[in-house]
C-alpha atoms as a PDB file:
ATOM      1  CA  MET A   1      31.858 149.545 -45.493  1.00  0.00           C
ATOM      2  CA  MET A   2      30.491 152.979 -46.531  1.00  0.00           C
ATOM      3  CA  LYS A   3      28.635 153.408 -43.412  1.00  0.00           C
ATOM      4  CA  GLU A   4      31.968 152.977 -41.753  1.00  0.00           C
ATOM      5  CA  ILE A   5      33.467 155.155 -43.729  1.00  0.00           C
ATOM      6  CA  GLN A   6      30.964 157.678 -43.208  1.00  0.00           C
ATOM      7  CA  GLN A   7      30.857 157.397 -39.479  1.00  0.00           C
ATOM      8  CA  THR A   8      34.875 157.944 -39.671  1.00  0.00           C
ATOM      9  CA  THR A   9      34.229 161.328 -41.545  1.00  0.00           C
ATOM     10  CA  ARG A  10      31.820 162.818 -39.150  1.00  0.00           C
ATOM     11  CA  ALA A  11      33.641 161.585 -35.852  1.00  0.00           C
ATOM     12  CA  GLU A  12      35.967 164.500 -36.503  1.00  0.00           C
ATOM     13  CA  PRO A  13      35.108 167.536 -37.806  1.00  0.00           C
ATOM     14  CA  ILE A  14      36.957 169.434 -40.607  1.00  0.00           C
ATOM     15  CA  PRO A  15      38.754 172.734 -39.742  1.00  0.00           C
ATOM     16  CA  LYS A  16      36.031 174.882 -41.676  1.00  0.00           C
ATOM     17  CA  SER A  17      32.940 173.732 -39.769  1.00  0.00           C
ATOM     18  CA  ALA A  18      30.995 175.534 -37.185  1.00  0.00           C
ATOM     19  CA  ASP A  19      31.682 172.803 -34.946  1.00  0.00           C
ATOM     20  CA  TYR A  20      34.971 172.634 -35.212  1.00  0.00           C
ATOM     21  CA  LYS A  21      35.486 176.471 -34.522  1.00  0.00           C
ATOM     22  CA  LEU A  22      33.177 176.217 -31.717  1.00  0.00           C
ATOM     23  CA  LYS A  23      35.279 173.173 -30.168  1.00  0.00           C
ATOM     24  CA  THR A  24      38.485 174.487 -30.683  1.00  0.00           C
ATOM     25  CA  PHE A  25      37.084 178.070 -29.139  1.00  0.00           C
ATOM     26  CA  ILE A  26      36.236 176.575 -26.204  1.00  0.00           C
ATOM     27  CA  ALA A  27      38.968 174.279 -25.825  1.00  0.00           C
ATOM     28  CA  GLY A  28      41.362 177.692 -26.039  1.00  0.00           C
ATOM     29  CA  GLY A  29      39.274 179.317 -23.485  1.00  0.00           C
ATOM     30  CA  ILE A  30      39.518 176.445 -21.091  1.00  0.00           C
ATOM     31  CA  ALA A  31      43.121 176.377 -21.484  1.00  0.00           C
ATOM     32  CA  GLY A  32      43.485 179.903 -20.877  1.00  0.00           C
ATOM     33  CA  CYS A  33      41.715 180.115 -17.769  1.00  0.00           C
ATOM     34  CA  ALA A  34      43.760 177.249 -16.542  1.00  0.00           C
ATOM     35  CA  ALA A  35      46.938 178.525 -17.495  1.00  0.00           C
ATOM     36  CA  LYS A  36      46.426 182.175 -15.768  1.00  0.00           C
ATOM     37  CA  THR A  37      44.775 180.541 -12.655  1.00  0.00           C
ATOM     38  CA  ALA A  38      47.908 178.975 -11.907  1.00  0.00           C
ATOM     39  CA  ILE A  39      50.129 181.902 -11.762  1.00  0.00           C
ATOM     40  CA  ALA A  40      48.037 184.417 -10.969  1.00  0.00           C
ATOM     41  CA  PRO A  41      49.880 185.538  -7.823  1.00  0.00           C
ATOM     42  CA  LEU A  42      53.092 185.799  -9.824  1.00  0.00           C
ATOM     43  CA  ASP A  43      51.550 187.384 -12.639  1.00  0.00           C
ATOM     44  CA  ARG A  44      50.269 190.338 -10.211  1.00  0.00           C
ATOM     45  CA  VAL A  45      54.081 190.638  -9.029  1.00  0.00           C
ATOM     46  CA  LYS A  46      55.459 190.879 -12.632  1.00  0.00           C
ATOM     47  CA  ILE A  47      52.911 193.682 -13.324  1.00  0.00           C
ATOM     48  CA  LEU A  48      53.907 195.703 -10.273  1.00  0.00           C
ATOM     49  CA  PHE A  49      58.003 194.927 -11.336  1.00  0.00           C
ATOM     50  CA  GLN A  50      57.102 196.398 -14.753  1.00  0.00           C
ATOM     51  CA  ALA A  51      55.588 199.507 -13.846  1.00  0.00           C
ATOM     52  CA  SER A  52      58.123 199.873 -11.095  1.00  0.00           C
ATOM     53  CA  ASN A  53      55.518 200.741  -8.395  1.00  0.00           C
ATOM     54  CA  PRO A  54      57.054 201.613  -5.147  1.00  0.00           C
ATOM     55  CA  ALA A  55      55.676 199.102  -2.821  1.00  0.00           C
ATOM     56  CA  VAL A  56      57.503 196.512  -4.235  1.00  0.00           C
ATOM     57  CA  ALA A  57      60.273 198.323  -6.364  1.00  0.00           C
ATOM     58  CA  LYS A  58      63.131 197.342  -3.948  1.00  0.00           C
ATOM     59  CA  TYR A  59      62.474 193.690  -4.632  1.00  0.00           C
ATOM     60  CA  ALA A  60      62.860 193.958  -8.690  1.00  0.00           C
ATOM     61  CA  GLY A  61      65.677 192.389 -10.274  1.00  0.00           C
ATOM     62  CA  SER A  62      66.068 188.841  -8.747  1.00  0.00           C
ATOM     63  CA  ALA A  63      64.279 185.449  -8.090  1.00  0.00           C
ATOM     64  CA  SER A  64      64.108 186.021  -4.697  1.00  0.00           C
ATOM     65  CA  GLY A  65      62.608 188.939  -4.800  1.00  0.00           C
ATOM     66  CA  VAL A  66      59.414 187.631  -6.675  1.00  0.00           C
ATOM     67  CA  PHE A  67      58.759 185.922  -3.430  1.00  0.00           C
ATOM     68  CA  TYR A  68      59.643 188.703  -0.962  1.00  0.00           C
ATOM     69  CA  ALA A  69      57.367 190.762  -3.344  1.00  0.00           C
ATOM     70  CA  MET A  70      54.491 188.264  -2.895  1.00  0.00           C
ATOM     71  CA  GLY A  71      55.112 188.107   0.827  1.00  0.00           C
ATOM     72  CA  GLU A  72      54.832 191.591   1.205  1.00  0.00           C
ATOM     73  CA  ILE A  73      51.153 191.544  -0.938  1.00  0.00           C
ATOM     74  CA  TYR A  74      50.029 188.995   1.561  1.00  0.00           C
ATOM     75  CA  SER A  75      51.008 190.781   4.701  1.00  0.00           C
ATOM     76  CA  LYS A  76      49.016 193.947   3.402  1.00  0.00           C
ATOM     77  CA  ASN A  77      45.987 192.414   1.560  1.00  0.00           C
ATOM     78  CA  GLY A  78      46.034 188.717   2.695  1.00  0.00           C
ATOM     79  CA  ILE A  79      45.421 185.590  -0.504  1.00  0.00           C
ATOM     80  CA  ILE A  80      42.944 187.989  -2.132  1.00  0.00           C
ATOM     81  CA  GLY A  81      45.496 190.625  -2.875  1.00  0.00           C
ATOM     82  CA  LEU A  82      47.575 187.992  -4.683  1.00  0.00           C
ATOM     83  CA  PHE A  83      44.947 187.186  -6.684  1.00  0.00           C
ATOM     84  CA  GLN A  84      43.978 190.944  -7.243  1.00  0.00           C
ATOM     85  CA  GLY A  85      42.902 191.593 -10.691  1.00  0.00           C
ATOM     86  CA  ASN A  86      42.352 188.510 -11.697  1.00  0.00           C
ATOM     87  CA  THR A  87      38.536 188.947 -11.737  1.00  0.00           C
ATOM     88  CA  ALA A  88      39.207 190.728 -14.716  1.00  0.00           C
ATOM     89  CA  THR A  89      41.755 188.552 -15.983  1.00  0.00           C
ATOM     90  CA  LEU A  90      39.586 185.573 -16.177  1.00  0.00           C
ATOM     91  CA  ALA A  91      36.923 187.469 -17.832  1.00  0.00           C
ATOM     92  CA  ARG A  92      39.423 188.606 -20.330  1.00  0.00           C
ATOM     93  CA  ILE A  93      41.391 185.670 -20.904  1.00  0.00           C
ATOM     94  CA  PHE A  94      38.754 183.350 -21.579  1.00  0.00           C
ATOM     95  CA  PRO A  95      37.695 185.179 -24.722  1.00  0.00           C
ATOM     96  CA  TYR A  96      41.051 186.007 -25.719  1.00  0.00           C
ATOM     97  CA  ALA A  97      42.750 182.558 -25.084  1.00  0.00           C
ATOM     98  CA  ALA A  98      39.433 181.302 -27.172  1.00  0.00           C
ATOM     99  CA  ILE A  99      40.018 183.539 -30.268  1.00  0.00           C
ATOM    100  CA  LYS A 100      43.669 183.176 -30.290  1.00  0.00           C
ATOM    101  CA  PHE A 101      43.938 179.234 -30.287  1.00  0.00           C
ATOM    102  CA  MET A 102      40.585 179.011 -32.819  1.00  0.00           C
ATOM    103  CA  ALA A 103      41.820 181.685 -35.062  1.00  0.00           C
ATOM    104  CA  TYR A 104      45.457 179.849 -35.102  1.00  0.00           C
ATOM    105  CA  GLU A 105      43.732 176.510 -36.323  1.00  0.00           C
ATOM    106  CA  GLN A 106      42.024 178.374 -38.864  1.00  0.00           C
ATOM    107  CA  PHE A 107      45.155 180.489 -40.000  1.00  0.00           C
ATOM    108  CA  LYS A 108      47.098 177.388 -39.757  1.00  0.00           C
ATOM    109  CA  MET A 109      44.815 175.830 -42.434  1.00  0.00           C
ATOM    110  CA  LEU A 110      45.241 178.250 -44.603  1.00  0.00           C
ATOM    111  CA  LEU A 111      48.887 178.803 -44.592  1.00  0.00           C
ATOM    112  CA  VAL A 112      50.418 175.502 -43.717  1.00  0.00           C
ATOM    113  CA  PRO A 113      49.834 172.266 -45.805  1.00  0.00           C
ATOM    114  CA  LYS A 114      48.984 169.326 -43.853  1.00  0.00           C
ATOM    115  CA  HIS A 115      52.063 167.311 -44.604  1.00  0.00           C
ATOM    116  CA  GLN A 116      54.047 170.731 -43.625  1.00  0.00           C
ATOM    117  CA  GLU A 117      52.951 170.898 -39.630  1.00  0.00           C
ATOM    118  CA  GLY A 118      55.931 171.170 -37.860  1.00  0.00           C
ATOM    119  CA  LYS A 119      58.353 171.797 -40.499  1.00  0.00           C
ATOM    120  CA  SER A 120      56.591 175.358 -42.091  1.00  0.00           C
ATOM    121  CA  ASN A 121      57.818 178.316 -40.705  1.00  0.00           C
ATOM    122  CA  MET A 122      54.322 179.869 -41.682  1.00  0.00           C
ATOM    123  CA  GLN A 123      53.039 178.735 -38.835  1.00  0.00           C
ATOM    124  CA  PHE A 124      55.153 181.820 -37.577  1.00  0.00           C
ATOM    125  CA  VAL A 125      52.645 183.706 -39.395  1.00  0.00           C
ATOM    126  CA  ALA A 126      49.587 181.836 -38.305  1.00  0.00           C
ATOM    127  CA  GLY A 127      50.496 182.559 -34.648  1.00  0.00           C
ATOM    128  CA  SER A 128      51.399 185.945 -35.054  1.00  0.00           C
ATOM    129  CA  LEU A 129      47.877 186.479 -36.980  1.00  0.00           C
ATOM    130  CA  SER A 130      45.811 184.496 -34.166  1.00  0.00           C
ATOM    131  CA  GLY A 131      47.463 186.765 -31.351  1.00  0.00           C
ATOM    132  CA  MET A 132      46.884 189.942 -32.916  1.00  0.00           C
ATOM    133  CA  THR A 133      43.147 188.930 -33.590  1.00  0.00           C
ATOM    134  CA  SER A 134      42.645 187.926 -30.288  1.00  0.00           C
ATOM    135  CA  VAL A 135      44.059 191.390 -28.926  1.00  0.00           C
ATOM    136  CA  ILE A 136      41.914 193.427 -31.210  1.00  0.00           C
ATOM    137  CA  PHE A 137      38.519 191.949 -29.394  1.00  0.00           C
ATOM    138  CA  THR A 138      40.210 191.884 -25.707  1.00  0.00           C
ATOM    139  CA  TYR A 139      42.371 194.827 -25.204  1.00  0.00           C
ATOM    140  CA  PRO A 140      40.184 196.784 -22.892  1.00  0.00           C
ATOM    141  CA  MET A 141      39.721 194.037 -20.412  1.00  0.00           C
ATOM    142  CA  ASP A 142      43.943 193.878 -20.216  1.00  0.00           C
ATOM    143  CA  MET A 143      43.946 197.391 -19.677  1.00  0.00           C
ATOM    144  CA  VAL A 144      41.789 197.039 -16.785  1.00  0.00           C
ATOM    145  CA  ARG A 145      43.418 193.718 -15.331  1.00  0.00           C
ATOM    146  CA  ALA A 146      46.731 195.569 -15.291  1.00  0.00           C
ATOM    147  CA  ARG A 147      45.329 198.817 -13.586  1.00  0.00           C
ATOM    148  CA  MET A 148      43.659 196.649 -10.918  1.00  0.00           C
ATOM    149  CA  ALA A 149      47.127 194.845 -10.212  1.00  0.00           C
ATOM    150  CA  TYR A 150      49.118 197.868 -10.042  1.00  0.00           C
ATOM    151  CA  GLU A 151      46.904 199.271  -7.085  1.00  0.00           C
ATOM    152  CA  THR A 152      48.644 198.076  -3.842  1.00  0.00           C
ATOM    153  CA  GLU A 153      47.510 200.893  -1.385  1.00  0.00           C
ATOM    154  CA  ASN A 154      43.745 201.075  -2.218  1.00  0.00           C
ATOM    155  CA  PRO A 155      43.125 198.131  -3.979  1.00  0.00           C
ATOM    156  CA  GLN A 156      39.445 198.527  -6.079  1.00  0.00           C
ATOM    157  CA  GLY A 157      36.637 196.562  -7.540  1.00  0.00           C
ATOM    158  CA  LEU A 158      36.300 196.150 -11.238  1.00  0.00           C
ATOM    159  CA  ILE A 159      33.314 198.551 -11.866  1.00  0.00           C
ATOM    160  CA  LYS A 160      35.228 201.551  -9.780  1.00  0.00           C
ATOM    161  CA  THR A 161      38.116 200.666 -11.828  1.00  0.00           C
ATOM    162  CA  VAL A 162      36.852 201.071 -15.112  1.00  0.00           C
ATOM    163  CA  LYS A 163      34.781 204.454 -13.906  1.00  0.00           C
ATOM    164  CA  ASN A 164      38.582 205.717 -13.016  1.00  0.00           C
ATOM    165  CA  ILE A 165      40.070 204.895 -16.340  1.00  0.00           C
ATOM    166  CA  TYR A 166      37.216 206.327 -18.204  1.00  0.00           C
ATOM    167  CA  GLN A 167      37.431 209.629 -16.032  1.00  0.00           C
ATOM    168  CA  GLU A 168      41.174 210.500 -16.817  1.00  0.00           C
ATOM    169  CA  PRO A 169      42.461 213.215 -19.032  1.00  0.00           C
ATOM    170  CA  THR A 170      41.961 211.369 -22.734  1.00  0.00           C
ATOM    171  CA  ALA A 171      44.808 209.561 -23.777  1.00  0.00           C
ATOM    172  CA  SER A 172      44.934 210.057 -27.436  1.00  0.00           C
ATOM    173  CA  LYS A 173      45.246 213.434 -29.236  1.00  0.00           C
ATOM    174  CA  ILE A 174      44.143 211.533 -32.488  1.00  0.00           C
ATOM    175  CA  ILE A 175      41.424 210.018 -31.030  1.00  0.00           C
ATOM    176  CA  PRO A 176      39.817 212.407 -28.222  1.00  0.00           C
ATOM    177  CA  LEU A 177      37.619 210.079 -26.820  1.00  0.00           C
ATOM    178  CA  LYS A 178      37.859 209.007 -23.325  1.00  0.00           C
ATOM    179  CA  VAL A 179      37.045 205.385 -24.825  1.00  0.00           C
ATOM    180  CA  SER A 180      40.814 205.646 -26.052  1.00  0.00           C
ATOM    181  CA  ASN A 181      41.811 205.169 -22.522  1.00  0.00           C
ATOM    182  CA  PHE A 182      41.237 201.712 -22.593  1.00  0.00           C
ATOM    183  CA  TYR A 183      43.594 201.414 -25.408  1.00  0.00           C
ATOM    184  CA  ARG A 184      46.672 203.066 -23.185  1.00  0.00           C
ATOM    185  CA  GLY A 185      49.654 200.598 -24.603  1.00  0.00           C
ATOM    186  CA  PHE A 186      47.628 199.293 -27.554  1.00  0.00           C
ATOM    187  CA  VAL A 187      49.928 199.806 -30.478  1.00  0.00           C
ATOM    188  CA  PRO A 188      53.314 198.178 -28.479  1.00  0.00           C
ATOM    189  CA  THR A 189      50.839 195.392 -27.648  1.00  0.00           C
ATOM    190  CA  MET A 190      50.100 194.535 -31.099  1.00  0.00           C
ATOM    191  CA  LEU A 191      53.742 194.930 -32.349  1.00  0.00           C
ATOM    192  CA  GLY A 192      54.750 192.798 -29.350  1.00  0.00           C
ATOM    193  CA  MET A 193      52.283 190.100 -30.180  1.00  0.00           C
ATOM    194  CA  VAL A 194      53.853 189.361 -33.628  1.00  0.00           C
ATOM    195  CA  PRO A 195      57.275 188.123 -31.952  1.00  0.00           C
ATOM    196  CA  TYR A 196      55.492 186.715 -28.962  1.00  0.00           C
ATOM    197  CA  ALA A 197      52.414 184.553 -30.276  1.00  0.00           C
ATOM    198  CA  GLY A 198      54.522 183.976 -33.741  1.00  0.00           C
ATOM    199  CA  MET A 199      57.498 182.553 -32.014  1.00  0.00           C
ATOM    200  CA  SER A 200      55.269 180.911 -29.256  1.00  0.00           C
ATOM    201  CA  PHE A 201      52.910 178.857 -31.596  1.00  0.00           C
ATOM    202  CA  TRP A 202      56.319 178.058 -34.239  1.00  0.00           C
ATOM    203  CA  THR A 203      58.636 177.157 -31.399  1.00  0.00           C
ATOM    204  CA  GLN A 204      55.984 174.745 -29.825  1.00  0.00           C
ATOM    205  CA  SER A 205      55.072 173.313 -33.351  1.00  0.00           C
ATOM    206  CA  LYS A 206      58.869 172.895 -33.892  1.00  0.00           C
ATOM    207  CA  ILE A 207      59.674 170.939 -30.686  1.00  0.00           C
ATOM    208  CA  LYS A 208      56.672 168.552 -31.112  1.00  0.00           C
ATOM    209  CA  TYR A 209      57.681 167.262 -34.343  1.00  0.00           C
ATOM    210  CA  TYR A 210      60.875 167.142 -33.139  1.00  0.00           C
ATOM    211  CA  LEU A 211      59.983 164.980 -30.257  1.00  0.00           C
ATOM    212  CA  GLN A 212      57.379 163.054 -32.256  1.00  0.00           C
ATOM    213  CA  SER A 213      60.078 162.126 -34.930  1.00  0.00           C
ATOM    214  CA  TYR A 214      63.258 161.636 -33.442  1.00  0.00           C
ATOM    215  CA  HIS A 215      62.541 160.836 -29.632  1.00  0.00           C
ATOM    216  CA  ALA A 216      60.411 157.511 -28.889  1.00  0.00           C
ATOM    217  CA  GLU A 217      60.504 157.761 -25.509  1.00  0.00           C
ATOM    218  CA  ALA A 218      58.805 161.314 -25.705  1.00  0.00           C
ATOM    219  CA  SER A 219      55.962 159.752 -27.684  1.00  0.00           C
ATOM    220  CA  THR A 220      53.136 157.239 -27.782  1.00  0.00           C
ATOM    221  CA  TYR A 221      51.352 155.827 -30.550  1.00  0.00           C
ATOM    222  CA  ARG A 222      47.486 155.511 -30.549  1.00  0.00           C
ATOM    223  CA  SER A 223      45.672 152.753 -32.366  1.00  0.00           C
ATOM    224  CA  SER A 224      42.217 154.026 -31.855  1.00  0.00           C
ATOM    225  CA  ASP A 225      42.843 157.075 -34.559  1.00  0.00           C
ATOM    226  CA  ASN A 226      46.470 156.399 -36.242  1.00  0.00           C
ATOM    227  CA  LYS A 227      48.278 159.457 -34.311  1.00  0.00           C
ATOM    228  CA  ILE A 228      51.426 159.575 -32.703  1.00  0.00           C
ATOM    229  CA  LYS A 229      50.746 161.941 -29.417  1.00  0.00           C
ATOM    230  CA  LEU A 230      53.532 163.412 -26.952  1.00  0.00           C
ATOM    231  CA  LYS A 231      53.306 161.905 -23.384  1.00  0.00           C
ATOM    232  CA  THR A 232      52.583 164.576 -20.660  1.00  0.00           C
ATOM    233  CA  TRP A 233      56.237 165.700 -19.920  1.00  0.00           C
ATOM    234  CA  ALA A 234      56.755 166.145 -23.420  1.00  0.00           C
ATOM    235  CA  GLU A 235      53.991 168.123 -24.281  1.00  0.00           C
ATOM    236  CA  LEU A 236      54.644 170.438 -21.263  1.00  0.00           C
ATOM    237  CA  VAL A 237      58.190 170.703 -22.256  1.00  0.00           C
ATOM    238  CA  SER A 238      57.427 171.632 -25.853  1.00  0.00           C
ATOM    239  CA  GLY A 239      54.937 174.070 -24.493  1.00  0.00           C
ATOM    240  CA  GLY A 240      57.112 175.443 -21.619  1.00  0.00           C
ATOM    241  CA  LEU A 241      60.197 176.120 -24.120  1.00  0.00           C
ATOM    242  CA  ALA A 242      57.890 177.701 -26.471  1.00  0.00           C
ATOM    243  CA  GLY A 243      56.767 180.308 -23.835  1.00  0.00           C
ATOM    244  CA  ALA A 244      60.136 180.890 -22.518  1.00  0.00           C
ATOM    245  CA  ILE A 245      61.742 181.633 -25.905  1.00  0.00           C
ATOM    246  CA  ALA A 246      58.880 183.491 -26.727  1.00  0.00           C
ATOM    247  CA  GLN A 247      58.797 185.685 -23.707  1.00  0.00           C
ATOM    248  CA  THR A 248      62.496 186.648 -24.255  1.00  0.00           C
ATOM    249  CA  VAL A 249      62.029 187.975 -27.676  1.00  0.00           C
ATOM    250  CA  SER A 250      58.973 190.249 -27.086  1.00  0.00           C
ATOM    251  CA  TYR A 251      59.828 191.206 -23.535  1.00  0.00           C
ATOM    252  CA  PRO A 252      60.917 195.227 -23.908  1.00  0.00           C
ATOM    253  CA  LEU A 253      57.815 195.674 -25.843  1.00  0.00           C
ATOM    254  CA  GLU A 254      55.861 194.414 -23.051  1.00  0.00           C
ATOM    255  CA  VAL A 255      57.628 196.799 -20.558  1.00  0.00           C
ATOM    256  CA  ILE A 256      56.313 199.865 -22.689  1.00  0.00           C
ATOM    257  CA  ARG A 257      52.715 198.425 -22.999  1.00  0.00           C
ATOM    258  CA  ARG A 258      52.747 197.913 -19.053  1.00  0.00           C
ATOM    259  CA  LYS A 259      54.220 201.646 -18.674  1.00  0.00           C
ATOM    260  CA  MET A 260      51.820 203.126 -20.719  1.00  0.00           C
ATOM    261  CA  GLN A 261      48.821 201.021 -19.411  1.00  0.00           C
ATOM    262  CA  VAL A 262      49.183 202.498 -15.777  1.00  0.00           C
ATOM    263  CA  SER A 263      50.449 205.876 -16.499  1.00  0.00           C
ATOM    264  CA  GLY A 264      47.182 207.542 -16.029  1.00  0.00           C
ATOM    265  CA  ARG A 265      47.854 206.911 -12.287  1.00  0.00           C
ATOM    266  CA  MET A 266      51.097 208.643 -12.550  1.00  0.00           C
ATOM    267  CA  THR A 267      51.509 212.525 -11.984  1.00  0.00           C
ATOM    268  CA  ASN A 268      54.070 212.451 -15.555  1.00  0.00           C
ATOM    269  CA  GLN A 269      51.566 210.553 -17.292  1.00  0.00           C
ATOM    270  CA  HIS A 270      52.555 212.857 -20.895  1.00  0.00           C
ATOM    271  CA  THR A 271      55.648 210.944 -20.469  1.00  0.00           C
ATOM    272  CA  PHE A 272      54.133 207.843 -21.411  1.00  0.00           C
ATOM    273  CA  GLU A 273      51.740 209.117 -24.303  1.00  0.00           C
ATOM    274  CA  SER A 274      53.580 207.201 -27.228  1.00  0.00           C
ATOM    275  CA  ILE A 275      56.026 204.052 -27.491  1.00  0.00           C
ATOM    276  CA  ARG A 276      59.237 206.339 -28.539  1.00  0.00           C
ATOM    277  CA  SER A 277      58.606 209.006 -25.451  1.00  0.00           C
ATOM    278  CA  THR A 278      57.894 205.701 -23.252  1.00  0.00           C
ATOM    279  CA  ALA A 279      61.045 203.750 -24.186  1.00  0.00           C
ATOM    280  CA  LEU A 280      63.299 207.153 -23.877  1.00  0.00           C
ATOM    281  CA  HIS A 281      62.300 207.439 -20.104  1.00  0.00           C
ATOM    282  CA  ILE A 282      63.012 203.753 -19.468  1.00  0.00           C
ATOM    283  CA  ALA A 283      66.049 204.188 -21.054  1.00  0.00           C
ATOM    284  CA  ARG A 284      67.047 207.447 -19.709  1.00  0.00           C
ATOM    285  CA  THR A 285      66.166 206.132 -16.187  1.00  0.00           C
ATOM    286  CA  LYS A 286      66.801 202.561 -15.958  1.00  0.00           C
ATOM    287  CA  GLY A 287      69.225 201.886 -18.979  1.00  0.00           C
ATOM    288  CA  ILE A 288      68.802 198.778 -20.943  1.00  0.00           C
ATOM    289  CA  LYS A 289      67.953 196.815 -17.914  1.00  0.00           C
ATOM    290  CA  GLY A 290      64.984 199.049 -17.638  1.00  0.00           C
ATOM    291  CA  PHE A 291      63.468 196.821 -20.554  1.00  0.00           C
ATOM    292  CA  TYR A 292      63.748 193.633 -18.954  1.00  0.00           C
ATOM    293  CA  ILE A 293      62.964 194.556 -15.490  1.00  0.00           C
ATOM    294  CA  GLY A 294      60.856 191.392 -13.896  1.00  0.00           C
ATOM    295  CA  LEU A 295      61.997 189.084 -16.591  1.00  0.00           C
ATOM    296  CA  THR A 296      63.170 186.504 -13.988  1.00  0.00           C
ATOM    297  CA  ILE A 297      59.518 186.529 -12.902  1.00  0.00           C
ATOM    298  CA  GLY A 298      58.580 186.430 -16.613  1.00  0.00           C
ATOM    299  CA  TYR A 299      60.168 183.282 -17.046  1.00  0.00           C
ATOM    300  CA  ILE A 300      59.253 181.741 -13.487  1.00  0.00           C
ATOM    301  CA  LYS A 301      55.678 183.111 -15.047  1.00  0.00           C
ATOM    302  CA  VAL A 302      55.545 182.086 -18.426  1.00  0.00           C
ATOM    303  CA  THR A 303      57.274 178.882 -18.780  1.00  0.00           C
ATOM    304  CA  PRO A 304      54.490 176.716 -16.606  1.00  0.00           C
ATOM    305  CA  MET A 305      51.629 179.012 -18.113  1.00  0.00           C
ATOM    306  CA  ALA A 306      52.831 178.208 -21.447  1.00  0.00           C
ATOM    307  CA  ALA A 307      53.309 174.638 -20.814  1.00  0.00           C
ATOM    308  CA  ILE A 308      49.788 174.201 -18.926  1.00  0.00           C
ATOM    309  CA  ALA A 309      48.143 176.563 -21.598  1.00  0.00           C
ATOM    310  CA  PHE A 310      49.582 174.406 -24.603  1.00  0.00           C
ATOM    311  CA  TYR A 311      48.801 170.727 -22.475  1.00  0.00           C
ATOM    312  CA  THR A 312      45.206 171.554 -21.338  1.00  0.00           C
ATOM    313  CA  TYR A 313      44.265 172.600 -25.190  1.00  0.00           C
ATOM    314  CA  GLU A 314      45.641 169.692 -26.657  1.00  0.00           C
ATOM    315  CA  LYS A 315      43.760 167.388 -23.968  1.00  0.00           C
ATOM    316  CA  THR A 316      40.268 169.351 -24.038  1.00  0.00           C
ATOM    317  CA  LYS A 317      40.893 168.889 -28.271  1.00  0.00           C
ATOM    318  CA  GLN A 318      41.363 165.380 -27.553  1.00  0.00           C
ATOM    319  CA  LEU A 319      38.104 165.192 -25.255  1.00  0.00           C
ATOM    320  CA  PHE A 320      35.949 166.760 -27.830  1.00  0.00           C
ATOM    321  CA  GLY A 321      37.083 164.963 -30.777  1.00  0.00           C
ATOM    322  CA  VAL A 322      38.955 167.217 -32.835  1.00  0.00           C
ATOM    323  CA  ASP A 323      42.413 166.768 -32.355  1.00  0.00           C
END
């Protein structure tokens, strides 16, 4: 009997163990790469809309414009153009998603009692902290990825883009070092990550708990480990809705961030040195709508991306035996 108990104990690593951290790290990275690859063309168009790139600006503001913009990019650069910047994206997204999901599990363990999962509002805090942690470690790659995606006339490779960013005038007056160029838009990113990651994880856990508790058709009981699991469609719905809600809450800060990131390629780059000056410029030139340019494509992109990410993460954890 004792042997059986010991075997059961060893079967699933506890959250504090290095094995658990490693497996949730890998599962998170795989989930992030799968989700980002699936929506890479949409992601590129969204960045071009947010930064008001003249090549596709005329298509912004409508759902159909997304596909016209994709057609424009395809006609100029082919299929490669739709995935431009994706190399930098995957190089960044694996560690970003890996750190985010692993950190979330650890923060959740510290802040949320086991019996309160899906009910505690502290999951919002755990999500926010995990998102901020991942941004700190991976932001320069996001900067490079945004810059590569912004270029439509003369697309450049990863190394050339890094060199160009480094050689631009120093972005920060507080830290007058060239390395600060890789942190353009860092502050609004961190501010935006609080509602985005927090709302994403919190909403997903709430919807998941609701479906498991009140909708038998959405879940299935696994006798192998005495756990109730959501069916595939329910898992995708909970993740997709979580992503859409989180996107709505944090979108204005994301627009500000993108403007600041690509400002090094603009003649009036000093206009975008701070959150305040960038926000005022957007409000003055575009009005309130300017803070929501590209939101339509944001929904089209983020909803399936979040659905795929959460679903892949849960399934990979099950495969690794740590769910």
